[in-house]
């Protein structure tokens, strides 16, 4: 189960990184510049407790949690 959970965590991370790079500017030297509005929003989110997030932000986290639960449930049924 640990390997399956690690795989899900990697998929969640990879999805996030794809989004990060798609919303950022690629510089000539290969570095990436994150737009200021994204930096501001993500800093606020990372410093906010889950219970204080907006409903939309919570739904995004719940969607990711469902992926983890699915692995656990599938493991229990096996």
PDB file of N, CA and C in Angstrom:
ATOM      1  N   UNK A   1       0.824  -1.194   0.000  1.00  0.00           N
ATOM      2  CA  UNK A   1       0.000   0.000   0.000  1.00  0.00           C
ATOM      3  C   UNK A   1       0.870   1.259   0.000  1.00  0.00           C
ATOM      4  N   UNK A   2       2.007   1.220   0.678  1.00  0.00           N
ATOM      5  CA  UNK A   2       2.879   2.401   0.729  1.00  0.00           C
ATOM      6  C   UNK A   2       3.311   2.806  -0.679  1.00  0.00           C
ATOM      7  N   UNK A   3       3.667   1.846  -1.505  1.00  0.00           N
ATOM      8  CA  UNK A   3       4.085   2.149  -2.873  1.00  0.00           C
ATOM      9  C   UNK A   3       2.943   2.774  -3.671  1.00  0.00           C
ATOM     10  N   UNK A   4       1.734   2.257  -3.491  1.00  0.00           N
ATOM     11  CA  UNK A   4       0.582   2.808  -4.206  1.00  0.00           C
ATOM     12  C   UNK A   4       0.278   4.230  -3.731  1.00  0.00           C
ATOM     13  N   UNK A   5       0.374   4.458  -2.419  1.00  0.00           N
ATOM     14  CA  UNK A   5       0.155   5.807  -1.888  1.00  0.00           C
ATOM     15  C   UNK A   5       1.242   6.758  -2.375  1.00  0.00           C
ATOM     16  N   UNK A   6       2.471   6.272  -2.423  1.00  0.00           N
ATOM     17  CA  UNK A   6       3.569   7.101  -2.928  1.00  0.00           C
ATOM     18  C   UNK A   6       3.335   7.458  -4.392  1.00  0.00           C
ATOM     19  N   UNK A   7       2.804   6.511  -5.159  1.00  0.00           N
ATOM     20  CA  UNK A   7       2.498   6.773  -6.562  1.00  0.00           C
ATOM     21  C   UNK A   7       1.427   7.859  -6.692  1.00  0.00           C
ATOM     22  N   UNK A   8       0.390   7.775  -5.861  1.00  0.00           N
ATOM     23  CA  UNK A   8      -0.661   8.801  -5.888  1.00  0.00           C
ATOM     24  C   UNK A   8      -0.090  10.156  -5.494  1.00  0.00           C
ATOM     25  N   UNK A   9       0.738  10.171  -4.466  1.00  0.00           N
ATOM     26  CA  UNK A   9       1.345  11.438  -4.039  1.00  0.00           C
ATOM     27  C   UNK A   9       2.197  12.021  -5.163  1.00  0.00           C
ATOM     28  N   UNK A  10       2.910  11.175  -5.875  1.00  0.00           N
ATOM     29  CA  UNK A  10       3.719  11.654  -6.996  1.00  0.00           C
ATOM     30  C   UNK A  10       2.822  12.225  -8.092  1.00  0.00           C
ATOM     31  N   UNK A  11       1.724  11.559  -8.387  1.00  0.00           N
ATOM     32  CA  UNK A  11       0.794  12.052  -9.405  1.00  0.00           C
ATOM     33  C   UNK A  11       0.211  13.405  -9.001  1.00  0.00           C
ATOM     34  N   UNK A  12      -0.123  13.557  -7.723  1.00  0.00           N
ATOM     35  CA  UNK A  12      -0.644  14.834  -7.226  1.00  0.00           C
ATOM     36  C   UNK A  12       0.413  15.922  -7.372  1.00  0.00           C
ATOM     37  N   UNK A  13       1.654  15.590  -6.989  1.00  0.00           N
ATOM     38  CA  UNK A  13       2.760  16.547  -7.101  1.00  0.00           C
ATOM     39  C   UNK A  13       3.021  16.908  -8.560  1.00  0.00           C
ATOM     40  N   UNK A  14       3.067  15.899  -9.441  1.00  0.00           N
ATOM     41  CA  UNK A  14       3.343  16.137 -10.853  1.00  0.00           C
ATOM     42  C   UNK A  14       2.262  17.024 -11.478  1.00  0.00           C
ATOM     43  N   UNK A  15       1.009  16.775 -11.106  1.00  0.00           N
ATOM     44  CA  UNK A  15      -0.096  17.600 -11.606  1.00  0.00           C
ATOM     45  C   UNK A  15       0.098  19.052 -11.174  1.00  0.00           C
ATOM     46  N   UNK A  16       0.487  19.245  -9.919  1.00  0.00           N
ATOM     47  CA  UNK A  16       0.723  20.586  -9.398  1.00  0.00           C
ATOM     48  C   UNK A  16       1.881  21.261 -10.140  1.00  0.00           C
ATOM     49  N   UNK A  17       2.968  20.530 -10.356  1.00  0.00           N
ATOM     50  CA  UNK A  17       4.128  21.111 -11.029  1.00  0.00           C
ATOM     51  C   UNK A  17       3.803  21.489 -12.468  1.00  0.00           C
ATOM     52  N   UNK A  18       3.018  20.663 -13.162  1.00  0.00           N
ATOM     53  CA  UNK A  18       2.604  21.007 -14.525  1.00  0.00           C
ATOM     54  C   UNK A  18       1.817  22.313 -14.510  1.00  0.00           C
ATOM     55  N   UNK A  19       0.903  22.441 -13.558  1.00  0.00           N
ATOM     56  CA  UNK A  19       0.125  23.677 -13.431  1.00  0.00           C
ATOM     57  C   UNK A  19       1.035  24.865 -13.133  1.00  0.00           C
ATOM     58  N   UNK A  20       1.974  24.679 -12.213  1.00  0.00           N
ATOM     59  CA  UNK A  20       2.902  25.748 -11.848  1.00  0.00           C
ATOM     60  C   UNK A  20       3.674  26.230 -13.068  1.00  0.00           C
ATOM     61  N   UNK A  21       4.231  25.294 -13.843  1.00  0.00           N
ATOM     62  CA  UNK A  21       5.005  25.683 -15.016  1.00  0.00           C
ATOM     63  C   UNK A  21       4.129  26.282 -16.118  1.00  0.00           C
ATOM     64  N   UNK A  22       2.902  25.807 -16.255  1.00  0.00           N
ATOM     65  CA  UNK A  22       2.000  26.370 -17.263  1.00  0.00           C
ATOM     66  C   UNK A  22       1.601  27.806 -16.939  1.00  0.00           C
ATOM     67  N   UNK A  23       1.545  28.141 -15.663  1.00  0.00           N
ATOM     68  CA  UNK A  23       1.122  29.483 -15.265  1.00  0.00           C
ATOM     69  C   UNK A  23       2.298  30.432 -15.062  1.00  0.00           C
ATOM     70  N   UNK A  24       3.510  29.922 -15.200  1.00  0.00           N
ATOM     71  CA  UNK A  24       4.707  30.736 -14.996  1.00  0.00           C
ATOM     72  C   UNK A  24       5.382  31.041 -16.324  1.00  0.00           C
ATOM     73  N   UNK A  25       6.307  31.990 -16.296  1.00  0.00           N
ATOM     74  CA  UNK A  25       7.036  32.387 -17.504  1.00  0.00           C
ATOM     75  C   UNK A  25       8.394  31.698 -17.520  1.00  0.00           C
ATOM     76  N   UNK A  26       8.706  31.066 -18.644  1.00  0.00           N
ATOM     77  CA  UNK A  26      10.007  30.424 -18.820  1.00  0.00           C
ATOM     78  C   UNK A  26      11.005  31.482 -19.265  1.00  0.00           C
ATOM     79  N   UNK A  27      12.073  31.608 -18.522  1.00  0.00           N
ATOM     80  CA  UNK A  27      13.107  32.585 -18.845  1.00  0.00           C
ATOM     81  C   UNK A  27      14.153  31.964 -19.772  1.00  0.00           C
ATOM     82  N   UNK A  28      14.910  32.801 -20.450  1.00  0.00           N
ATOM     83  CA  UNK A  28      15.921  32.326 -21.407  1.00  0.00           C
ATOM     84  C   UNK A  28      16.938  31.382 -20.775  1.00  0.00           C
ATOM     85  N   UNK A  29      17.255  31.595 -19.497  1.00  0.00           N
ATOM     86  CA  UNK A  29      18.263  30.761 -18.839  1.00  0.00           C
ATOM     87  C   UNK A  29      17.682  29.454 -18.301  1.00  0.00           C
ATOM     88  N   UNK A  30      16.397  29.194 -18.566  1.00  0.00           N
ATOM     89  CA  UNK A  30      15.763  27.965 -18.109  1.00  0.00           C
ATOM     90  C   UNK A  30      15.059  28.095 -16.768  1.00  0.00           C
ATOM     91  N   UNK A  31      15.263  29.193 -16.081  1.00  0.00           N
ATOM     92  CA  UNK A  31      14.553  29.423 -14.823  1.00  0.00           C
ATOM     93  C   UNK A  31      13.113  29.822 -15.130  1.00  0.00           C
ATOM     94  N   UNK A  32      12.310  29.862 -14.099  1.00  0.00           N
ATOM     95  CA  UNK A  32      10.890  30.159 -14.260  1.00  0.00           C
ATOM     96  C   UNK A  32      10.514  31.297 -13.325  1.00  0.00           C
ATOM     97  N   UNK A  33       9.695  32.211 -13.815  1.00  0.00           N
ATOM     98  CA  UNK A  33       9.206  33.312 -12.997  1.00  0.00           C
ATOM     99  C   UNK A  33       7.718  33.094 -12.747  1.00  0.00           C
ATOM    100  N   UNK A  34       7.358  33.015 -11.468  1.00  0.00           N
ATOM    101  CA  UNK A  34       5.961  32.840 -11.077  1.00  0.00           C
ATOM    102  C   UNK A  34       5.306  34.219 -11.056  1.00  0.00           C
ATOM    103  N   UNK A  35       4.149  34.353 -11.681  1.00  0.00           N
ATOM    104  CA  UNK A  35       3.462  35.647 -11.683  1.00  0.00           C
ATOM    105  C   UNK A  35       3.163  36.124 -10.254  1.00  0.00           C
ATOM    106  N   UNK A  36       3.287  37.419 -10.006  1.00  0.00           N
ATOM    107  CA  UNK A  36       3.090  37.956  -8.663  1.00  0.00           C
ATOM    108  C   UNK A  36       1.734  37.611  -8.043  1.00  0.00           C
ATOM    109  N   UNK A  37       0.668  37.582  -8.857  1.00  0.00           N
ATOM    110  CA  UNK A  37      -0.648  37.274  -8.290  1.00  0.00           C
ATOM    111  C   UNK A  37      -0.697  35.829  -7.778  1.00  0.00           C
ATOM    112  N   UNK A  38      -0.007  34.922  -8.474  1.00  0.00           N
ATOM    113  CA  UNK A  38       0.039  33.519  -8.024  1.00  0.00           C
ATOM    114  C   UNK A  38       0.850  33.406  -6.739  1.00  0.00           C
ATOM    115  N   UNK A  39       1.986  34.106  -6.682  1.00  0.00           N
ATOM    116  CA  UNK A  39       2.822  34.085  -5.477  1.00  0.00           C
ATOM    117  C   UNK A  39       2.018  34.565  -4.282  1.00  0.00           C
ATOM    118  N   UNK A  40       1.312  35.655  -4.451  1.00  0.00           N
ATOM    119  CA  UNK A  40       0.504  36.216  -3.359  1.00  0.00           C
ATOM    120  C   UNK A  40      -0.559  35.219  -2.908  1.00  0.00           C
ATOM    121  N   UNK A  41      -1.277  34.639  -3.877  1.00  0.00           N
ATOM    122  CA  UNK A  41      -2.350  33.694  -3.538  1.00  0.00           C
ATOM    123  C   UNK A  41      -1.804  32.453  -2.859  1.00  0.00           C
ATOM    124  N   UNK A  42      -0.739  31.871  -3.420  1.00  0.00           N
ATOM    125  CA  UNK A  42      -0.202  30.626  -2.874  1.00  0.00           C
ATOM    126  C   UNK A  42       0.443  30.840  -1.508  1.00  0.00           C
ATOM    127  N   UNK A  43       1.054  31.996  -1.298  1.00  0.00           N
ATOM    128  CA  UNK A  43       1.596  32.292   0.038  1.00  0.00           C
ATOM    129  C   UNK A  43       0.467  32.387   1.057  1.00  0.00           C
ATOM    130  N   UNK A  44      -0.636  33.040   0.654  1.00  0.00           N
ATOM    131  CA  UNK A  44      -1.779  33.135   1.568  1.00  0.00           C
ATOM    132  C   UNK A  44      -2.314  31.743   1.878  1.00  0.00           C
ATOM    133  N   UNK A  45      -2.471  30.929   0.844  1.00  0.00           N
ATOM    134  CA  UNK A  45      -3.009  29.587   1.045  1.00  0.00           C
ATOM    135  C   UNK A  45      -2.105  28.730   1.923  1.00  0.00           C
ATOM    136  N   UNK A  46      -0.802  28.797   1.703  1.00  0.00           N
ATOM    137  CA  UNK A  46       0.098  27.938   2.479  1.00  0.00           C
ATOM    138  C   UNK A  46       0.175  28.367   3.948  1.00  0.00           C
ATOM    139  N   UNK A  47      -0.199  29.595   4.216  1.00  0.00           N
ATOM    140  CA  UNK A  47      -0.194  30.095   5.594  1.00  0.00           C
ATOM    141  C   UNK A  47      -1.583  30.109   6.224  1.00  0.00           C
ATOM    142  N   UNK A  48      -2.527  29.470   5.558  1.00  0.00           N
ATOM    143  CA  UNK A  48      -3.911  29.424   6.040  1.00  0.00           C
ATOM    144  C   UNK A  48      -4.246  28.000   6.462  1.00  0.00           C
ATOM    145  N   UNK A  49      -4.839  27.863   7.628  1.00  0.00           N
ATOM    146  CA  UNK A  49      -5.297  26.539   8.057  1.00  0.00           C
ATOM    147  C   UNK A  49      -6.395  26.071   7.114  1.00  0.00           C
ATOM    148  N   UNK A  50      -6.488  24.763   6.963  1.00  0.00           N
ATOM    149  CA  UNK A  50      -7.506  24.189   6.077  1.00  0.00           C
ATOM    150  C   UNK A  50      -8.895  24.711   6.431  1.00  0.00           C
ATOM    151  N   UNK A  51      -9.210  24.752   7.710  1.00  0.00           N
ATOM    152  CA  UNK A  51     -10.550  25.171   8.146  1.00  0.00           C
ATOM    153  C   UNK A  51     -10.872  26.611   7.763  1.00  0.00           C
ATOM    154  N   UNK A  52      -9.849  27.408   7.485  1.00  0.00           N
ATOM    155  CA  UNK A  52     -10.059  28.811   7.135  1.00  0.00           C
ATOM    156  C   UNK A  52     -10.007  29.075   5.626  1.00  0.00           C
ATOM    157  N   UNK A  53      -9.813  28.027   4.825  1.00  0.00           N
ATOM    158  CA  UNK A  53      -9.799  28.194   3.378  1.00  0.00           C
ATOM    159  C   UNK A  53     -11.209  28.442   2.864  1.00  0.00           C
ATOM    160  N   UNK A  54     -11.291  28.987   1.657  1.00  0.00           N
ATOM    161  CA  UNK A  54     -12.601  29.154   1.034  1.00  0.00           C
ATOM    162  C   UNK A  54     -13.150  27.776   0.676  1.00  0.00           C
ATOM    163  N   UNK A  55     -14.439  27.708   0.418  1.00  0.00           N
ATOM    164  CA  UNK A  55     -15.053  26.429   0.060  1.00  0.00           C
ATOM    165  C   UNK A  55     -14.428  25.866  -1.212  1.00  0.00           C
ATOM    166  N   UNK A  56     -14.156  26.713  -2.179  1.00  0.00           N
ATOM    167  CA  UNK A  56     -13.537  26.271  -3.437  1.00  0.00           C
ATOM    168  C   UNK A  56     -12.145  25.692  -3.181  1.00  0.00           C
ATOM    169  N   UNK A  57     -11.378  26.339  -2.319  1.00  0.00           N
ATOM    170  CA  UNK A  57     -10.038  25.846  -1.995  1.00  0.00           C
ATOM    171  C   UNK A  57     -10.119  24.506  -1.266  1.00  0.00           C
ATOM    172  N   UNK A  58     -11.070  24.385  -0.370  1.00  0.00           N
ATOM    173  CA  UNK A  58     -11.256  23.114   0.333  1.00  0.00           C
ATOM    174  C   UNK A  58     -11.622  21.999  -0.636  1.00  0.00           C
ATOM    175  N   UNK A  59     -12.489  22.314  -1.600  1.00  0.00           N
ATOM    176  CA  UNK A  59     -12.915  21.299  -2.566  1.00  0.00           C
ATOM    177  C   UNK A  59     -11.734  20.756  -3.356  1.00  0.00           C
ATOM    178  N   UNK A  60     -10.790  21.605  -3.663  1.00  0.00           N
ATOM    179  CA  UNK A  60      -9.583  21.167  -4.370  1.00  0.00           C
ATOM    180  C   UNK A  60      -8.798  20.178  -3.516  1.00  0.00           C
ATOM    181  N   UNK A  61      -8.653  20.467  -2.225  1.00  0.00           N
ATOM    182  CA  UNK A  61      -7.937  19.555  -1.320  1.00  0.00           C
ATOM    183  C   UNK A  61      -8.705  18.256  -1.124  1.00  0.00           C
ATOM    184  N   UNK A  62     -10.020  18.340  -1.039  1.00  0.00           N
ATOM    185  CA  UNK A  62     -10.851  17.145  -0.874  1.00  0.00           C
ATOM    186  C   UNK A  62     -10.718  16.243  -2.108  1.00  0.00           C
ATOM    187  N   UNK A  63     -10.674  16.847  -3.279  1.00  0.00           N
ATOM    188  CA  UNK A  63     -10.509  16.081  -4.513  1.00  0.00           C
ATOM    189  C   UNK A  63      -9.214  15.261  -4.467  1.00  0.00           C
ATOM    190  N   UNK A  64      -8.157  15.875  -3.974  1.00  0.00           N
ATOM    191  CA  UNK A  64      -6.880  15.160  -3.867  1.00  0.00           C
ATOM    192  C   UNK A  64      -6.949  14.078  -2.785  1.00  0.00           C
ATOM    193  N   UNK A  65      -7.628  14.358  -1.686  1.00  0.00           N
ATOM    194  CA  UNK A  65      -7.773  13.376  -0.611  1.00  0.00           C
ATOM    195  C   UNK A  65      -8.528  12.143  -1.090  1.00  0.00           C
ATOM    196  N   UNK A  66      -9.497  12.337  -1.968  1.00  0.00           N
ATOM    197  CA  UNK A  66     -10.249  11.203  -2.509  1.00  0.00           C
ATOM    198  C   UNK A  66      -9.336  10.233  -3.248  1.00  0.00           C
ATOM    199  N   UNK A  67      -8.310  10.738  -3.897  1.00  0.00           N
ATOM    200  CA  UNK A  67      -7.360   9.879  -4.595  1.00  0.00           C
ATOM    201  C   UNK A  67      -6.615   8.978  -3.608  1.00  0.00           C
ATOM    202  N   UNK A  68      -6.257   9.522  -2.466  1.00  0.00           N
ATOM    203  CA  UNK A  68      -5.563   8.751  -1.435  1.00  0.00           C
ATOM    204  C   UNK A  68      -6.503   7.713  -0.829  1.00  0.00           C
ATOM    205  N   UNK A  69      -7.714   8.124  -0.533  1.00  0.00           N
ATOM    206  CA  UNK A  69      -8.707   7.212   0.052  1.00  0.00           C
ATOM    207  C   UNK A  69      -8.991   6.055  -0.896  1.00  0.00           C
ATOM    208  N   UNK A  70      -9.055   6.330  -2.191  1.00  0.00           N
ATOM    209  CA  UNK A  70      -9.310   5.279  -3.170  1.00  0.00           C
ATOM    210  C   UNK A  70      -8.246   4.196  -3.113  1.00  0.00           C
ATOM    211  N   UNK A  71      -6.997   4.590  -2.949  1.00  0.00           N
ATOM    212  CA  UNK A  71      -5.911   3.606  -2.839  1.00  0.00           C
ATOM    213  C   UNK A  71      -6.095   2.778  -1.570  1.00  0.00           C
ATOM    214  N   UNK A  72      -6.415   3.428  -0.476  1.00  0.00           N
ATOM    215  CA  UNK A  72      -6.593   2.718   0.797  1.00  0.00           C
ATOM    216  C   UNK A  72      -7.761   1.745   0.696  1.00  0.00           C
ATOM    217  N   UNK A  73      -8.875   2.209   0.147  1.00  0.00           N
ATOM    218  CA  UNK A  73     -10.041   1.327   0.013  1.00  0.00           C
ATOM    219  C   UNK A  73      -9.765   0.157  -0.911  1.00  0.00           C
ATOM    220  N   UNK A  74      -9.082   0.394  -2.008  1.00  0.00           N
ATOM    221  CA  UNK A  74      -8.746  -0.684  -2.933  1.00  0.00           C
ATOM    222  C   UNK A  74      -7.818  -1.700  -2.296  1.00  0.00           C
ATOM    223  N   UNK A  75      -6.938  -1.237  -1.423  1.00  0.00           N
ATOM    224  CA  UNK A  75      -6.009  -2.126  -0.731  1.00  0.00           C
ATOM    225  C   UNK A  75      -6.767  -2.997   0.281  1.00  0.00           C
ATOM    226  N   UNK A  76      -7.757  -2.401   0.944  1.00  0.00           N
ATOM    227  CA  UNK A  76      -8.530  -3.163   1.937  1.00  0.00           C
ATOM    228  C   UNK A  76      -9.396  -4.238   1.270  1.00  0.00           C
ATOM    229  N   UNK A  77      -9.833  -3.971   0.034  1.00  0.00           N
ATOM    230  CA  UNK A  77     -10.666  -4.940  -0.688  1.00  0.00           C
ATOM    231  C   UNK A  77      -9.841  -6.070  -1.291  1.00  0.00           C
ATOM    232  N   UNK A  78      -8.566  -5.829  -1.492  1.00  0.00           N
ATOM    233  CA  UNK A  78      -7.705  -6.836  -2.142  1.00  0.00           C
ATOM    234  C   UNK A  78      -7.386  -7.994  -1.212  1.00  0.00           C
TER     235      UNK A  78
END
